[in-house]
């Protein structure tokens, strides 16, 4: 791929803007030597204003989403892209969230520009457990584990019952919930179905991947070992931890 197209696809600017960056000498090699648009240079050996290029296509990042941000590019309020370098939202292919967390849910969120990987993770066939911790407005009534695990719970406006979900009470109003699907506002609607209301909701893990101490609002690129952990559902990261 031509350097101009490569750098433009990473969100640094339009092709015309990137071409101007070459003419201004802002694109260099690691030693500071000016590069030209037709140079054949490895991705790792390109610098923009002295900084390494962003990761190439196939990027997968882990974000600790704070409450108050939406998984959207169009919402007029705060969006998860505001927590990333501005050019990340201009990448081509687009950097998309792997599933969604609503505005009032915090925790683990994956983002990628690899459509195949996104589909693989979110496909129902993946059967990847997602572990949440919820605090409720009222004490549990006692039959939540049986109701959620039954595989027969129907949510309003749905045509098929929910897959069995795990439930563990961690206190009179705090619980660990494990899902293998991801319907719209699923946990909030599940508790509404048993007469309760979710006050806070936090996702701890997806598959075998946890936040690993990442602070709210922070993110990091995932390497091959991290990616493998997604499919390692025996890793034990599903045990809920205090926030």
Protein backbone atom coordinates (compact mmCIF):
# COMPACT_ATOMS: atom_id res chain seq x y z
CA UNK A 1 0.00 0.00 0.00
CA UNK A 2 1.25 3.48 -0.87
CA UNK A 3 2.45 5.46 2.14
CA UNK A 4 -0.01 8.29 1.49
CA UNK A 5 -2.97 5.91 1.49
CA UNK A 6 -1.66 3.99 4.50
CA UNK A 7 -1.26 7.12 6.63
CA UNK A 8 -4.59 8.57 5.48
CA UNK A 9 -6.38 5.30 6.33
CA UNK A 10 -4.99 5.55 9.85
CA UNK A 11 -6.87 8.83 10.30
CA UNK A 12 -4.01 11.33 10.10
CA UNK A 13 -5.83 13.30 7.41
CA UNK A 14 -7.18 13.12 3.88
CA UNK A 15 -4.81 11.96 1.15
CA UNK A 16 -4.36 15.58 0.14
CA UNK A 17 -3.51 16.54 3.71
CA UNK A 18 -1.08 13.63 4.08
CA UNK A 19 0.60 14.55 0.78
CA UNK A 20 1.16 18.01 2.24
CA UNK A 21 2.68 16.43 5.36
CA UNK A 22 5.23 14.71 3.11
CA UNK A 23 6.07 18.00 1.38
CA UNK A 24 6.53 19.65 4.78
CA UNK A 25 8.99 16.94 5.83
CA UNK A 26 6.85 15.69 8.68
CA UNK A 27 7.05 12.04 7.60
CA UNK A 28 10.42 10.52 8.47
CA UNK A 29 12.19 7.27 9.29
CA UNK A 30 13.35 6.46 12.87
CA UNK A 31 16.61 8.34 12.26
CA UNK A 32 14.77 11.50 11.25
CA UNK A 33 15.47 11.20 7.53
CA UNK A 34 12.64 12.63 5.47
CA UNK A 35 10.56 10.06 3.62
CA UNK A 36 8.83 10.51 0.28
CA UNK A 37 5.39 9.34 -0.72
CA UNK A 38 6.71 6.67 -3.09
CA UNK A 39 9.24 5.20 -0.63
CA UNK A 40 8.83 1.51 0.26
CA UNK A 41 9.14 1.49 4.04
CA UNK A 42 7.92 -0.94 6.70
CA UNK A 43 5.06 0.30 8.88
CA UNK A 44 7.26 0.17 11.98
CA UNK A 45 9.86 2.43 10.33
CA UNK A 46 7.55 5.37 9.64
CA UNK A 47 7.32 8.37 11.94
CA UNK A 48 4.84 11.24 11.87
CA UNK A 49 6.18 14.33 13.64
CA UNK A 50 8.73 12.02 15.27
CA UNK A 51 6.13 9.60 16.64
CA UNK A 52 5.58 6.00 15.46
CA UNK A 53 2.58 5.33 13.26
CA UNK A 54 -0.56 4.08 14.97
CA UNK A 55 -1.06 0.31 14.75
CA UNK A 56 -2.05 -1.00 11.31
CA UNK A 57 -5.39 -2.48 10.32
CA UNK A 58 -6.32 -5.34 12.63
CA UNK A 59 -6.16 -3.13 15.73
CA UNK A 60 -7.91 -4.49 18.84
CA UNK A 61 -8.03 -2.34 21.95
CA UNK A 62 -9.36 -2.81 25.45
CA UNK A 63 -11.08 0.23 26.97
CA UNK A 64 -12.28 0.65 30.55
CA UNK A 65 -15.46 2.51 29.72
CA UNK A 66 -16.59 4.97 32.41
CA UNK A 67 -20.23 5.75 33.13
CA UNK A 68 -21.58 8.62 31.04
CA UNK A 69 -20.12 7.62 27.66
CA UNK A 70 -22.03 6.05 24.79
CA UNK A 71 -20.81 3.55 22.19
CA UNK A 72 -21.60 5.79 19.25
CA UNK A 73 -20.02 8.21 16.81
CA UNK A 74 -23.13 10.38 16.46
CA UNK A 75 -24.38 10.92 20.02
CA UNK A 76 -24.31 14.65 20.91
CA UNK A 77 -22.96 13.85 24.37
CA UNK A 78 -19.77 12.10 25.42
CA UNK A 79 -18.79 9.06 23.33
CA UNK A 80 -16.15 6.39 23.87
CA UNK A 81 -14.14 7.79 20.94
CA UNK A 82 -13.49 10.90 23.04
CA UNK A 83 -11.24 8.71 25.22
CA UNK A 84 -9.01 7.73 22.28
CA UNK A 85 -6.65 9.71 20.03
CA UNK A 86 -8.93 11.86 17.80
CA UNK A 87 -7.68 10.27 14.58
CA UNK A 88 -8.85 6.81 15.76
CA UNK A 89 -12.44 7.66 14.82
CA UNK A 90 -11.26 8.54 11.30
CA UNK A 91 -9.58 5.19 10.61
CA UNK A 92 -10.56 3.25 7.49
CA UNK A 93 -11.76 0.54 8.06
CA UNK A 94 -13.73 2.09 10.91
CA UNK A 95 -12.86 1.30 14.52
CA UNK A 96 -16.05 -0.21 15.95
CA UNK A 97 -17.13 -1.31 19.40
CA UNK A 98 -17.43 -5.07 19.87
CA UNK A 99 -20.99 -5.06 21.15
CA UNK A 100 -22.15 -2.15 23.28
CA UNK A 101 -22.33 -0.94 26.84
CA UNK A 102 -25.05 1.61 27.50
CA UNK A 103 -24.33 5.08 28.84
CA UNK A 104 -24.90 4.04 32.45
CA UNK A 105 -22.81 0.85 32.32
CA UNK A 106 -19.08 0.85 32.99
CA UNK A 107 -16.35 -1.69 32.42
CA UNK A 108 -14.65 -3.77 29.77
CA UNK A 109 -15.24 -2.73 26.16
CA UNK A 110 -13.38 -4.03 23.11
CA UNK A 111 -12.95 -2.02 19.92
CA UNK A 112 -11.55 -3.21 16.59
CA UNK A 113 -11.32 -2.39 12.89
CA UNK A 114 -11.23 -6.12 12.04
CA UNK A 115 -14.75 -7.00 10.92
CA UNK A 116 -14.06 -10.72 10.92
CA UNK A 117 -12.79 -10.66 14.49
CA UNK A 118 -15.73 -8.54 15.61
CA UNK A 119 -18.17 -11.04 14.13
CA UNK A 120 -16.32 -13.99 15.64
CA UNK A 121 -16.50 -12.50 19.16
CA UNK A 122 -20.11 -11.35 18.97
CA UNK A 123 -21.50 -14.38 17.15
CA UNK A 124 -23.96 -16.42 19.27
CA UNK A 125 -21.90 -19.46 18.29
CA UNK A 126 -18.95 -18.06 20.25
CA UNK A 127 -20.86 -18.63 23.50
CA UNK A 128 -18.41 -16.36 25.31
CA UNK A 129 -19.37 -15.58 28.93
CA UNK A 130 -19.67 -11.93 29.89
CA UNK A 131 -19.45 -11.26 33.63
CA UNK A 132 -21.17 -8.26 35.22
CA UNK A 133 -21.65 -6.91 38.71
CA UNK A 134 -24.90 -5.14 39.48
CA UNK A 135 -26.25 -3.25 42.44
CA UNK A 136 -30.02 -3.15 42.81
CA UNK A 137 -32.55 -0.73 44.24
CA UNK A 138 -34.24 -3.40 46.37
CA UNK A 139 -33.24 -6.58 48.18
CA UNK A 140 -33.36 -9.76 46.11
CA UNK A 141 -36.55 -11.75 46.48
CA UNK A 142 -34.72 -15.10 46.47
CA UNK A 143 -35.69 -16.80 43.21
CA UNK A 144 -33.48 -14.80 40.83
CA UNK A 145 -30.99 -17.64 40.27
CA UNK A 146 -33.79 -20.03 39.33
CA UNK A 147 -35.58 -17.54 37.08
CA UNK A 148 -32.45 -16.34 35.26
CA UNK A 149 -31.05 -19.85 34.89
CA UNK A 150 -34.27 -21.41 33.65
CA UNK A 151 -33.86 -20.65 29.96
CA UNK A 152 -37.54 -19.75 29.84
CA UNK A 153 -37.51 -16.07 30.88
CA UNK A 154 -39.23 -13.92 28.26
CA UNK A 155 -38.55 -10.21 28.12
CA UNK A 156 -41.15 -7.72 27.01
CA UNK A 157 -41.32 -7.37 23.20
CA UNK A 158 -39.05 -10.42 22.72
CA UNK A 159 -40.14 -13.50 20.74
CA UNK A 160 -37.66 -16.02 22.14
CA UNK A 161 -36.71 -16.77 25.76
CA UNK A 162 -33.33 -15.80 27.15
CA UNK A 163 -30.52 -18.32 27.28
CA UNK A 164 -29.80 -19.47 30.85
CA UNK A 165 -27.82 -16.83 32.74
CA UNK A 166 -25.73 -17.23 35.88
CA UNK A 167 -26.65 -15.39 39.06
CA UNK A 168 -24.73 -15.17 42.32
CA UNK A 169 -25.81 -12.93 45.20
CA UNK A 170 -22.86 -11.01 46.64
CA UNK A 171 -25.02 -9.19 49.18
CA UNK A 172 -28.69 -8.34 49.67
CA UNK A 173 -28.57 -5.93 46.71
CA UNK A 174 -25.40 -6.83 44.82
CA UNK A 175 -24.97 -9.69 42.37
CA UNK A 176 -22.70 -11.28 39.83
CA UNK A 177 -24.42 -12.08 36.53
CA UNK A 178 -22.97 -14.18 33.71
CA UNK A 179 -24.46 -13.89 30.21
CA UNK A 180 -23.66 -15.75 27.01
CA UNK A 181 -25.77 -13.46 24.83
CA UNK A 182 -26.17 -9.71 24.60
CA UNK A 183 -29.65 -8.43 24.02
CA UNK A 184 -30.58 -4.76 24.34
CA UNK A 185 -30.30 -3.64 28.00
CA UNK A 186 -30.55 -7.31 28.89
CA UNK A 187 -29.56 -7.28 32.56
CA UNK A 188 -31.64 -4.21 33.34
CA UNK A 189 -34.66 -5.83 31.68
CA UNK A 190 -34.05 -9.14 33.45
CA UNK A 191 -34.20 -7.50 36.85
CA UNK A 192 -37.20 -5.43 35.80
CA UNK A 193 -38.92 -8.72 35.00
CA UNK A 194 -38.50 -9.80 38.63
CA UNK A 195 -39.63 -6.46 40.04
CA UNK A 196 -36.28 -4.83 40.70
CA UNK A 197 -34.23 -1.97 39.28
CA UNK A 198 -30.51 -1.88 38.44
CA UNK A 199 -28.76 1.12 39.97
CA UNK A 200 -25.18 0.38 38.81
CA UNK A 201 -23.82 -2.10 36.30
CA UNK A 202 -20.19 -2.94 35.56
CA UNK A 203 -18.72 -5.49 33.14
CA UNK A 204 -15.66 -7.26 34.56
CA UNK A 205 -14.77 -9.64 31.75
CA UNK A 206 -15.50 -11.03 28.32
CA UNK A 207 -14.48 -14.62 27.73
CA UNK A 208 -11.25 -15.04 29.63
CA UNK A 209 -10.16 -11.41 29.28
CA UNK A 210 -10.46 -9.02 32.21
CA UNK A 211 -9.59 -5.38 32.76
CA UNK A 212 -6.30 -6.22 34.43
CA UNK A 213 -6.17 -3.11 36.61
CA UNK A 214 -6.89 -0.69 33.76
CA UNK A 215 -8.25 2.55 35.20
CA UNK A 216 -11.59 4.04 34.07
CA UNK A 217 -11.11 5.96 30.83
CA UNK A 218 -7.82 4.23 30.03
CA UNK A 219 -7.18 1.91 27.09
CA UNK A 220 -4.46 -0.33 25.69
CA UNK A 221 -3.75 -2.23 22.51
CA UNK A 222 -4.16 -6.00 22.80
CA UNK A 223 -1.41 -8.28 21.53
CA UNK A 224 -1.61 -11.92 20.54
CA UNK A 225 -1.44 -13.23 24.12
CA UNK A 226 -4.31 -10.92 25.14
CA UNK A 227 -6.37 -12.02 22.16
CA UNK A 228 -5.89 -15.66 23.10
CA UNK A 229 -7.24 -14.90 26.57
CA UNK A 230 -10.61 -13.95 25.09
CA UNK A 231 -11.13 -17.62 24.24
CA UNK A 232 -9.58 -18.93 27.47
CA UNK A 233 -12.80 -19.26 29.47
CA UNK A 234 -11.06 -21.34 32.15
CA UNK A 235 -8.81 -18.43 33.19
CA UNK A 236 -10.83 -17.54 36.28
CA UNK A 237 -11.13 -13.83 35.52
CA UNK A 238 -14.89 -14.12 35.87
CA UNK A 239 -14.63 -13.94 39.64
CA UNK A 240 -15.98 -10.47 40.45
CA UNK A 241 -13.57 -7.98 41.92
CA UNK A 242 -14.29 -4.80 43.78
CA UNK A 243 -14.15 -1.71 41.57
